[in-house]
Amino acid sequence: MTTTSAAGGRLDLDSNAECVIDNVNNENVFWAERMAPSGTYIVRVHNYQDCVQQPVNYTVTVQNDREVSTFRGTFAASTAGEVQVVTTFEH
């Protein structure tokens, strides 16, 4: 599955969609090199469904040009629908 936004960003994989556990545990959103529009970016993680009924850890890696930052967090059990803001940055 590939999903493209109006701004040209692409989601290349929706891991564990519909609670079908694929053991990939990876999703990538990206733009072609030097094609991301300028502006403020807000990175969020959405615990869309509570598939496992236990805490869910996540790791987010953001590459903005050559700068790479990694963020980690956890959703508590039974928090389906919760959204956490991970970081905000300018590009």
PDB file of N, CA and C in Angstrom:
ATOM      1  N   MET A   1       0.838  -1.174   0.000  1.00  0.00           N
ATOM      2  CA  MET A   1       0.000   0.000   0.000  1.00  0.00           C
ATOM      3  C   MET A   1       0.880   1.233   0.000  1.00  0.00           C
ATOM      4  N   THR A   2       0.613   2.149  -0.892  1.00  0.00           N
ATOM      5  CA  THR A   2       1.296   3.437  -0.889  1.00  0.00           C
ATOM      6  C   THR A   2       0.239   4.524  -0.893  1.00  0.00           C
ATOM      7  N   THR A   3       0.392   5.477   0.018  1.00  0.00           N
ATOM      8  CA  THR A   3      -0.526   6.601   0.104  1.00  0.00           C
ATOM      9  C   THR A   3       0.287   7.877  -0.055  1.00  0.00           C
ATOM     10  N   THR A   4      -0.168   8.768  -0.925  1.00  0.00           N
ATOM     11  CA  THR A   4       0.535  10.021  -1.184  1.00  0.00           C
ATOM     12  C   THR A   4      -0.343  11.195  -0.790  1.00  0.00           C
ATOM     13  N   SER A   5       0.254  12.162  -0.061  1.00  0.00           N
ATOM     14  CA  SER A   5      -0.490  13.357   0.348  1.00  0.00           C
ATOM     15  C   SER A   5      -0.472  14.395  -0.773  1.00  0.00           C
ATOM     16  N   ALA A   6      -1.315  15.404  -0.645  1.00  0.00           N
ATOM     17  CA  ALA A   6      -1.362  16.486  -1.623  1.00  0.00           C
ATOM     18  C   ALA A   6      -0.028  17.227  -1.694  1.00  0.00           C
ATOM     19  N   ALA A   7       0.744  17.217  -0.591  1.00  0.00           N
ATOM     20  CA  ALA A   7       2.044  17.897  -0.549  1.00  0.00           C
ATOM     21  C   ALA A   7       3.173  17.002  -1.058  1.00  0.00           C
ATOM     22  N   GLY A   8       2.854  15.778  -1.475  1.00  0.00           N
ATOM     23  CA  GLY A   8       3.859  14.891  -2.042  1.00  0.00           C
ATOM     24  C   GLY A   8       4.479  13.915  -1.067  1.00  0.00           C
ATOM     25  N   GLY A   9       4.103  13.962   0.214  1.00  0.00           N
ATOM     26  CA  GLY A   9       4.613  12.991   1.179  1.00  0.00           C
ATOM     27  C   GLY A   9       4.001  11.628   0.920  1.00  0.00           C
ATOM     28  N   ARG A  10       4.785  10.580   1.176  1.00  0.00           N
ATOM     29  CA  ARG A  10       4.306   9.220   0.909  1.00  0.00           C
ATOM     30  C   ARG A  10       4.413   8.351   2.147  1.00  0.00           C
ATOM     31  N   LEU A  11       3.378   7.568   2.395  1.00  0.00           N
ATOM     32  CA  LEU A  11       3.386   6.502   3.401  1.00  0.00           C
ATOM     33  C   LEU A  11       3.547   5.208   2.619  1.00  0.00           C
ATOM     34  N   ASP A  12       4.660   4.498   2.862  1.00  0.00           N
ATOM     35  CA  ASP A  12       4.923   3.313   2.050  1.00  0.00           C
ATOM     36  C   ASP A  12       4.424   2.015   2.663  1.00  0.00           C
ATOM     37  N   LEU A  13       4.071   2.046   3.970  1.00  0.00           N
ATOM     38  CA  LEU A  13       3.629   0.830   4.629  1.00  0.00           C
ATOM     39  C   LEU A  13       2.800   1.223   5.838  1.00  0.00           C
ATOM     40  N   ASP A  14       1.684   0.570   6.033  1.00  0.00           N
ATOM     41  CA  ASP A  14       0.852   0.775   7.222  1.00  0.00           C
ATOM     42  C   ASP A  14       0.919  -0.518   8.017  1.00  0.00           C
ATOM     43  N   SER A  15       1.973  -0.659   8.815  1.00  0.00           N
ATOM     44  CA  SER A  15       2.236  -1.893   9.538  1.00  0.00           C
ATOM     45  C   SER A  15       1.140  -2.201  10.554  1.00  0.00           C
ATOM     46  N   ASN A  16       0.749  -3.457  10.622  1.00  0.00           N
ATOM     47  CA  ASN A  16      -0.254  -3.965  11.566  1.00  0.00           C
ATOM     48  C   ASN A  16      -1.643  -3.350  11.367  1.00  0.00           C
ATOM     49  N   ALA A  17      -1.943  -2.925  10.169  1.00  0.00           N
ATOM     50  CA  ALA A  17      -3.254  -2.334   9.871  1.00  0.00           C
ATOM     51  C   ALA A  17      -4.370  -3.343  10.157  1.00  0.00           C
ATOM     52  N   GLU A  18      -5.473  -2.838  10.683  1.00  0.00           N
ATOM     53  CA  GLU A  18      -6.643  -3.670  10.998  1.00  0.00           C
ATOM     54  C   GLU A  18      -6.297  -4.810  11.954  1.00  0.00           C
ATOM     55  N   CYS A  19      -5.268  -4.614  12.783  1.00  0.00           N
ATOM     56  CA  CYS A  19      -4.818  -5.609  13.772  1.00  0.00           C
ATOM     57  C   CYS A  19      -4.328  -6.904  13.130  1.00  0.00           C
ATOM     58  N   VAL A  20      -3.918  -6.838  11.877  1.00  0.00           N
ATOM     59  CA  VAL A  20      -3.247  -7.960  11.236  1.00  0.00           C
ATOM     60  C   VAL A  20      -1.763  -7.768  11.534  1.00  0.00           C
ATOM     61  N   ILE A  21      -1.252  -8.503  12.513  1.00  0.00           N
ATOM     62  CA  ILE A  21       0.116  -8.328  12.982  1.00  0.00           C
ATOM     63  C   ILE A  21       1.070  -8.887  11.936  1.00  0.00           C
ATOM     64  N   ASP A  22       1.867  -7.995  11.327  1.00  0.00           N
ATOM     65  CA  ASP A  22       2.755  -8.402  10.236  1.00  0.00           C
ATOM     66  C   ASP A  22       4.211  -8.548  10.682  1.00  0.00           C
ATOM     67  N   ASN A  23       4.486  -8.261  11.956  1.00  0.00           N
ATOM     68  CA  ASN A  23       5.834  -8.357  12.518  1.00  0.00           C
ATOM     69  C   ASN A  23       6.856  -7.467  11.820  1.00  0.00           C
ATOM     70  N   VAL A  24       6.390  -6.498  11.055  1.00  0.00           N
ATOM     71  CA  VAL A  24       7.292  -5.539  10.420  1.00  0.00           C
ATOM     72  C   VAL A  24       7.547  -4.373  11.377  1.00  0.00           C
ATOM     73  N   ASN A  25       6.481  -3.883  12.012  1.00  0.00           N
ATOM     74  CA  ASN A  25       6.576  -2.803  12.992  1.00  0.00           C
ATOM     75  C   ASN A  25       7.374  -1.617  12.471  1.00  0.00           C
ATOM     76  N   ASN A  26       7.053  -1.192  11.255  1.00  0.00           N
ATOM     77  CA  ASN A  26       7.766  -0.087  10.644  1.00  0.00           C
ATOM     78  C   ASN A  26       6.839   0.628   9.679  1.00  0.00           C
ATOM     79  N   GLU A  27       6.834   1.936   9.751  1.00  0.00           N
ATOM     80  CA  GLU A  27       6.095   2.749   8.788  1.00  0.00           C
ATOM     81  C   GLU A  27       7.003   3.902   8.400  1.00  0.00           C
ATOM     82  N   ASN A  28       7.008   4.254   7.132  1.00  0.00           N
ATOM     83  CA  ASN A  28       7.867   5.325   6.647  1.00  0.00           C
ATOM     84  C   ASN A  28       7.032   6.372   5.930  1.00  0.00           C
ATOM     85  N   VAL A  29       7.220   7.619   6.332  1.00  0.00           N
ATOM     86  CA  VAL A  29       6.625   8.746   5.620  1.00  0.00           C
ATOM     87  C   VAL A  29       7.799   9.560   5.095  1.00  0.00           C
ATOM     88  N   PHE A  30       7.798   9.823   3.804  1.00  0.00           N
ATOM     89  CA  PHE A  30       8.953  10.506   3.226  1.00  0.00           C
ATOM     90  C   PHE A  30       8.557  11.308   2.000  1.00  0.00           C
ATOM     91  N   TRP A  31       9.443  12.203   1.621  1.00  0.00           N
ATOM     92  CA  TRP A  31       9.343  12.955   0.381  1.00  0.00           C
ATOM     93  C   TRP A  31      10.572  12.608  -0.443  1.00  0.00           C
ATOM     94  N   ALA A  32      10.477  12.735  -1.751  1.00  0.00           N
ATOM     95  CA  ALA A  32      11.650  12.567  -2.594  1.00  0.00           C
ATOM     96  C   ALA A  32      12.694  13.591  -2.150  1.00  0.00           C
ATOM     97  N   GLU A  33      13.961  13.282  -2.346  1.00  0.00           N
ATOM     98  CA  GLU A  33      15.042  14.150  -1.879  1.00  0.00           C
ATOM     99  C   GLU A  33      14.834  15.591  -2.352  1.00  0.00           C
ATOM    100  N   ARG A  34      14.891  16.511  -1.387  1.00  0.00           N
ATOM    101  CA  ARG A  34      14.772  17.964  -1.596  1.00  0.00           C
ATOM    102  C   ARG A  34      13.399  18.393  -2.096  1.00  0.00           C
ATOM    103  N   MET A  35      12.378  17.574  -1.884  1.00  0.00           N
ATOM    104  CA  MET A  35      11.049  17.898  -2.372  1.00  0.00           C
ATOM    105  C   MET A  35      10.051  18.214  -1.259  1.00  0.00           C
ATOM    106  N   ALA A  36      10.426  18.067   0.001  1.00  0.00           N
ATOM    107  CA  ALA A  36       9.502  18.374   1.100  1.00  0.00           C
ATOM    108  C   ALA A  36       9.263  19.873   1.134  1.00  0.00           C
ATOM    109  N   PRO A  37       8.007  20.294   1.221  1.00  0.00           N
ATOM    110  CA  PRO A  37       7.722  21.728   1.270  1.00  0.00           C
ATOM    111  C   PRO A  37       8.246  22.359   2.560  1.00  0.00           C
ATOM    112  N   SER A  38       8.615  23.619   2.477  1.00  0.00           N
ATOM    113  CA  SER A  38       9.049  24.360   3.660  1.00  0.00           C
ATOM    114  C   SER A  38       7.867  24.569   4.581  1.00  0.00           C
ATOM    115  N   GLY A  39       8.159  24.606   5.895  1.00  0.00           N
ATOM    116  CA  GLY A  39       7.095  24.867   6.852  1.00  0.00           C
ATOM    117  C   GLY A  39       7.344  24.196   8.178  1.00  0.00           C
ATOM    118  N   THR A  40       6.311  24.208   9.012  1.00  0.00           N
ATOM    119  CA  THR A  40       6.364  23.578  10.325  1.00  0.00           C
ATOM    120  C   THR A  40       5.796  22.168  10.212  1.00  0.00           C
ATOM    121  N   TYR A  41       6.531  21.198  10.720  1.00  0.00           N
ATOM    122  CA  TYR A  41       6.103  19.804  10.705  1.00  0.00           C
ATOM    123  C   TYR A  41       5.827  19.370  12.144  1.00  0.00           C
ATOM    124  N   ILE A  42       4.686  18.752  12.362  1.00  0.00           N
ATOM    125  CA  ILE A  42       4.316  18.197  13.658  1.00  0.00           C
ATOM    126  C   ILE A  42       4.268  16.684  13.485  1.00  0.00           C
ATOM    127  N   VAL A  43       5.102  15.971  14.234  1.00  0.00           N
ATOM    128  CA  VAL A  43       5.167  14.518  14.138  1.00  0.00           C
ATOM    129  C   VAL A  43       4.313  13.945  15.258  1.00  0.00           C
ATOM    130  N   ARG A  44       3.308  13.150  14.881  1.00  0.00           N
ATOM    131  CA  ARG A  44       2.395  12.537  15.843  1.00  0.00           C
ATOM    132  C   ARG A  44       2.398  11.026  15.658  1.00  0.00           C
ATOM    133  N   VAL A  45       2.129  10.327  16.749  1.00  0.00           N
ATOM    134  CA  VAL A  45       1.930   8.885  16.702  1.00  0.00           C
ATOM    135  C   VAL A  45       0.498   8.630  17.159  1.00  0.00           C
ATOM    136  N   HIS A  46      -0.225   7.844  16.376  1.00  0.00           N
ATOM    137  CA  HIS A  46      -1.638   7.570  16.637  1.00  0.00           C
ATOM    138  C   HIS A  46      -1.791   6.089  16.966  1.00  0.00           C
ATOM    139  N   ASN A  47      -2.238   5.804  18.174  1.00  0.00           N
ATOM    140  CA  ASN A  47      -2.539   4.419  18.564  1.00  0.00           C
ATOM    141  C   ASN A  47      -3.927   4.101  18.019  1.00  0.00           C
ATOM    142  N   TYR A  48      -3.968   3.783  16.756  1.00  0.00           N
ATOM    143  CA  TYR A  48      -5.228   3.690  16.031  1.00  0.00           C
ATOM    144  C   TYR A  48      -6.165   2.623  16.594  1.00  0.00           C
ATOM    145  N   GLN A  49      -5.645   1.433  16.855  1.00  0.00           N
ATOM    146  CA  GLN A  49      -6.444   0.361  17.434  1.00  0.00           C
ATOM    147  C   GLN A  49      -5.659  -0.306  18.546  1.00  0.00           C
ATOM    148  N   ASP A  50      -6.341  -0.809  19.540  1.00  0.00           N
ATOM    149  CA  ASP A  50      -5.710  -1.495  20.662  1.00  0.00           C
ATOM    150  C   ASP A  50      -5.727  -2.995  20.369  1.00  0.00           C
ATOM    151  N   CYS A  51      -4.765  -3.438  19.565  1.00  0.00           N
ATOM    152  CA  CYS A  51      -4.757  -4.824  19.080  1.00  0.00           C
ATOM    153  C   CYS A  51      -4.270  -5.822  20.115  1.00  0.00           C
ATOM    154  N   VAL A  52      -3.404  -5.400  21.027  1.00  0.00           N
ATOM    155  CA  VAL A  52      -2.751  -6.356  21.906  1.00  0.00           C
ATOM    156  C   VAL A  52      -3.143  -6.222  23.373  1.00  0.00           C
ATOM    157  N   GLN A  53      -3.946  -5.230  23.738  1.00  0.00           N
ATOM    158  CA  GLN A  53      -4.426  -5.054  25.115  1.00  0.00           C
ATOM    159  C   GLN A  53      -3.285  -4.983  26.125  1.00  0.00           C
ATOM    160  N   GLN A  54      -2.166  -4.377  25.723  1.00  0.00           N
ATOM    161  CA  GLN A  54      -1.037  -4.172  26.628  1.00  0.00           C
ATOM    162  C   GLN A  54      -0.308  -2.912  26.167  1.00  0.00           C
ATOM    163  N   PRO A  55       0.606  -2.372  26.982  1.00  0.00           N
ATOM    164  CA  PRO A  55       1.328  -1.175  26.551  1.00  0.00           C
ATOM    165  C   PRO A  55       2.038  -1.396  25.212  1.00  0.00           C
ATOM    166  N   VAL A  56       2.085  -0.342  24.418  1.00  0.00           N
ATOM    167  CA  VAL A  56       2.708  -0.404  23.098  1.00  0.00           C
ATOM    168  C   VAL A  56       3.824   0.641  23.048  1.00  0.00           C
ATOM    169  N   ASN A  57       5.038   0.177  22.814  1.00  0.00           N
ATOM    170  CA  ASN A  57       6.182   1.075  22.677  1.00  0.00           C
ATOM    171  C   ASN A  57       6.321   1.514  21.228  1.00  0.00           C
ATOM    172  N   TYR A  58       6.847   2.711  21.031  1.00  0.00           N
ATOM    173  CA  TYR A  58       7.140   3.159  19.674  1.00  0.00           C
ATOM    174  C   TYR A  58       8.480   3.876  19.649  1.00  0.00           C
ATOM    175  N   THR A  59       9.093   3.863  18.485  1.00  0.00           N
ATOM    176  CA  THR A  59      10.318   4.611  18.212  1.00  0.00           C
ATOM    177  C   THR A  59      10.081   5.369  16.919  1.00  0.00           C
ATOM    178  N   VAL A  60      10.360   6.665  16.940  1.00  0.00           N
ATOM    179  CA  VAL A  60      10.207   7.515  15.760  1.00  0.00           C
ATOM    180  C   VAL A  60      11.576   8.104  15.442  1.00  0.00           C
ATOM    181  N   THR A  61      12.007   7.935  14.204  1.00  0.00           N
ATOM    182  CA  THR A  61      13.246   8.554  13.737  1.00  0.00           C
ATOM    183  C   THR A  61      12.880   9.591  12.691  1.00  0.00           C
ATOM    184  N   VAL A  62      13.339  10.819  12.905  1.00  0.00           N
ATOM    185  CA  VAL A  62      13.058  11.922  11.992  1.00  0.00           C
ATOM    186  C   VAL A  62      14.366  12.351  11.352  1.00  0.00           C
ATOM    187  N   GLN A  63      14.381  12.369  10.032  1.00  0.00           N
ATOM    188  CA  GLN A  63      15.543  12.897   9.326  1.00  0.00           C
ATOM    189  C   GLN A  63      15.103  14.157   8.607  1.00  0.00           C
ATOM    190  N   ASN A  64      15.656  15.288   9.012  1.00  0.00           N
ATOM    191  CA  ASN A  64      15.369  16.582   8.412  1.00  0.00           C
ATOM    192  C   ASN A  64      16.667  17.043   7.769  1.00  0.00           C
ATOM    193  N   ASP A  65      16.740  16.908   6.458  1.00  0.00           N
ATOM    194  CA  ASP A  65      17.990  17.097   5.721  1.00  0.00           C
ATOM    195  C   ASP A  65      19.008  16.098   6.273  1.00  0.00           C
ATOM    196  N   ARG A  66      20.102  16.555   6.854  1.00  0.00           N
ATOM    197  CA  ARG A  66      21.115  15.614   7.357  1.00  0.00           C
ATOM    198  C   ARG A  66      20.996  15.362   8.851  1.00  0.00           C
ATOM    199  N   GLU A  67      20.135  16.093   9.534  1.00  0.00           N
ATOM    200  CA  GLU A  67      19.958  15.922  10.983  1.00  0.00           C
ATOM    201  C   GLU A  67      18.996  14.764  11.251  1.00  0.00           C
ATOM    202  N   VAL A  68      19.424  13.834  12.104  1.00  0.00           N
ATOM    203  CA  VAL A  68      18.601  12.680  12.452  1.00  0.00           C
ATOM    204  C   VAL A  68      18.362  12.695  13.958  1.00  0.00           C
ATOM    205  N   SER A  69      17.081  12.578  14.356  1.00  0.00           N
ATOM    206  CA  SER A  69      16.702  12.541  15.772  1.00  0.00           C
ATOM    207  C   SER A  69      15.813  11.331  15.998  1.00  0.00           C
ATOM    208  N   THR A  70      15.958  10.703  17.160  1.00  0.00           N
ATOM    209  CA  THR A  70      15.163   9.533  17.512  1.00  0.00           C
ATOM    210  C   THR A  70      14.393   9.822  18.796  1.00  0.00           C
ATOM    211  N   PHE A  71      13.113   9.451  18.810  1.00  0.00           N
ATOM    212  CA  PHE A  71      12.220   9.672  19.944  1.00  0.00           C
ATOM    213  C   PHE A  71      11.561   8.350  20.292  1.00  0.00           C
ATOM    214  N   ARG A  72      11.393   8.100  21.589  1.00  0.00           N
ATOM    215  CA  ARG A  72      10.739   6.869  22.042  1.00  0.00           C
ATOM    216  C   ARG A  72       9.616   7.220  23.006  1.00  0.00           C
ATOM    217  N   GLY A  73       8.586   6.398  22.996  1.00  0.00           N
ATOM    218  CA  GLY A  73       7.470   6.607  23.906  1.00  0.00           C
ATOM    219  C   GLY A  73       6.659   5.338  24.049  1.00  0.00           C
ATOM    220  N   THR A  74       5.602   5.430  24.839  1.00  0.00           N
ATOM    221  CA  THR A  74       4.738   4.277  25.105  1.00  0.00           C
ATOM    222  C   THR A  74       3.294   4.733  25.192  1.00  0.00           C
ATOM    223  N   PHE A  75       2.411   3.949  24.618  1.00  0.00           N
ATOM    224  CA  PHE A  75       0.981   4.094  24.852  1.00  0.00           C
ATOM    225  C   PHE A  75       0.602   3.092  25.934  1.00  0.00           C
ATOM    226  N   ALA A  76      -0.119   3.525  26.943  1.00  0.00           N
ATOM    227  CA  ALA A  76      -0.610   2.614  27.974  1.00  0.00           C
ATOM    228  C   ALA A  76      -1.609   1.645  27.348  1.00  0.00           C
ATOM    229  N   ALA A  77      -1.841   0.532  27.999  1.00  0.00           N
ATOM    230  CA  ALA A  77      -2.837  -0.438  27.521  1.00  0.00           C
ATOM    231  C   ALA A  77      -4.200   0.232  27.440  1.00  0.00           C
ATOM    232  N   SER A  78      -4.991  -0.196  26.497  1.00  0.00           N
ATOM    233  CA  SER A  78      -6.373   0.269  26.329  1.00  0.00           C
ATOM    234  C   SER A  78      -6.464   1.767  26.070  1.00  0.00           C
ATOM    235  N   THR A  79      -5.587   2.274  25.198  1.00  0.00           N
ATOM    236  CA  THR A  79      -5.632   3.693  24.833  1.00  0.00           C
ATOM    237  C   THR A  79      -5.881   3.866  23.335  1.00  0.00           C
ATOM    238  N   ALA A  80      -6.708   3.022  22.755  1.00  0.00           N
ATOM    239  CA  ALA A  80      -7.027   3.132  21.334  1.00  0.00           C
ATOM    240  C   ALA A  80      -7.555   4.522  21.030  1.00  0.00           C
ATOM    241  N   GLY A  81      -7.071   5.083  19.955  1.00  0.00           N
ATOM    242  CA  GLY A  81      -7.495   6.414  19.536  1.00  0.00           C
ATOM    243  C   GLY A  81      -6.610   7.537  20.072  1.00  0.00           C
ATOM    244  N   GLU A  82      -5.750   7.239  21.030  1.00  0.00           N
ATOM    245  CA  GLU A  82      -4.883   8.272  21.594  1.00  0.00           C
ATOM    246  C   GLU A  82      -3.832   8.701  20.568  1.00  0.00           C
ATOM    247  N   VAL A  83      -3.540  10.002  20.577  1.00  0.00           N
ATOM    248  CA  VAL A  83      -2.511  10.569  19.715  1.00  0.00           C
ATOM    249  C   VAL A  83      -1.496  11.277  20.603  1.00  0.00           C
ATOM    250  N   GLN A  84      -0.216  11.032  20.356  1.00  0.00           N
ATOM    251  CA  GLN A  84       0.854  11.714  21.090  1.00  0.00           C
ATOM    252  C   GLN A  84       1.688  12.522  20.111  1.00  0.00           C
ATOM    253  N   VAL A  85       1.951  13.780  20.462  1.00  0.00           N
ATOM    254  CA  VAL A  85       2.866  14.600  19.665  1.00  0.00           C
ATOM    255  C   VAL A  85       4.284  14.212  20.068  1.00  0.00           C
ATOM    256  N   VAL A  86       5.096  13.857  19.086  1.00  0.00           N
ATOM    257  CA  VAL A  86       6.451  13.390  19.328  1.00  0.00           C
ATOM    258  C   VAL A  86       7.437  14.550  19.254  1.00  0.00           C
ATOM    259  N   THR A  87       7.318  15.367  18.217  1.00  0.00           N
ATOM    260  CA  THR A  87       8.208  16.509  18.030  1.00  0.00           C
ATOM    261  C   THR A  87       7.616  17.456  16.995  1.00  0.00           C
ATOM    262  N   THR A  88       8.148  18.644  16.974  1.00  0.00           N
ATOM    263  CA  THR A  88       7.808  19.660  15.971  1.00  0.00           C
ATOM    264  C   THR A  88       9.119  20.217  15.445  1.00  0.00           C
ATOM    265  N   PHE A  89       9.187  20.444  14.150  1.00  0.00           N
ATOM    266  CA  PHE A  89      10.414  21.025  13.584  1.00  0.00           C
ATOM    267  C   PHE A  89      10.092  21.862  12.353  1.00  0.00           C
ATOM    268  N   GLU A  90      11.024  22.724  12.008  1.00  0.00           N
ATOM    269  CA  GLU A  90      10.914  23.571  10.805  1.00  0.00           C
ATOM    270  C   GLU A  90      11.764  22.971   9.697  1.00  0.00           C
ATOM    271  N   HIS A  91      11.229  23.050   8.503  1.00  0.00           N
ATOM    272  CA  HIS A  91      12.006  22.603   7.339  1.00  0.00           C
ATOM    273  C   HIS A  91      12.007  23.716   6.321  1.00  0.00           C
TER     274      HIS A  91
END
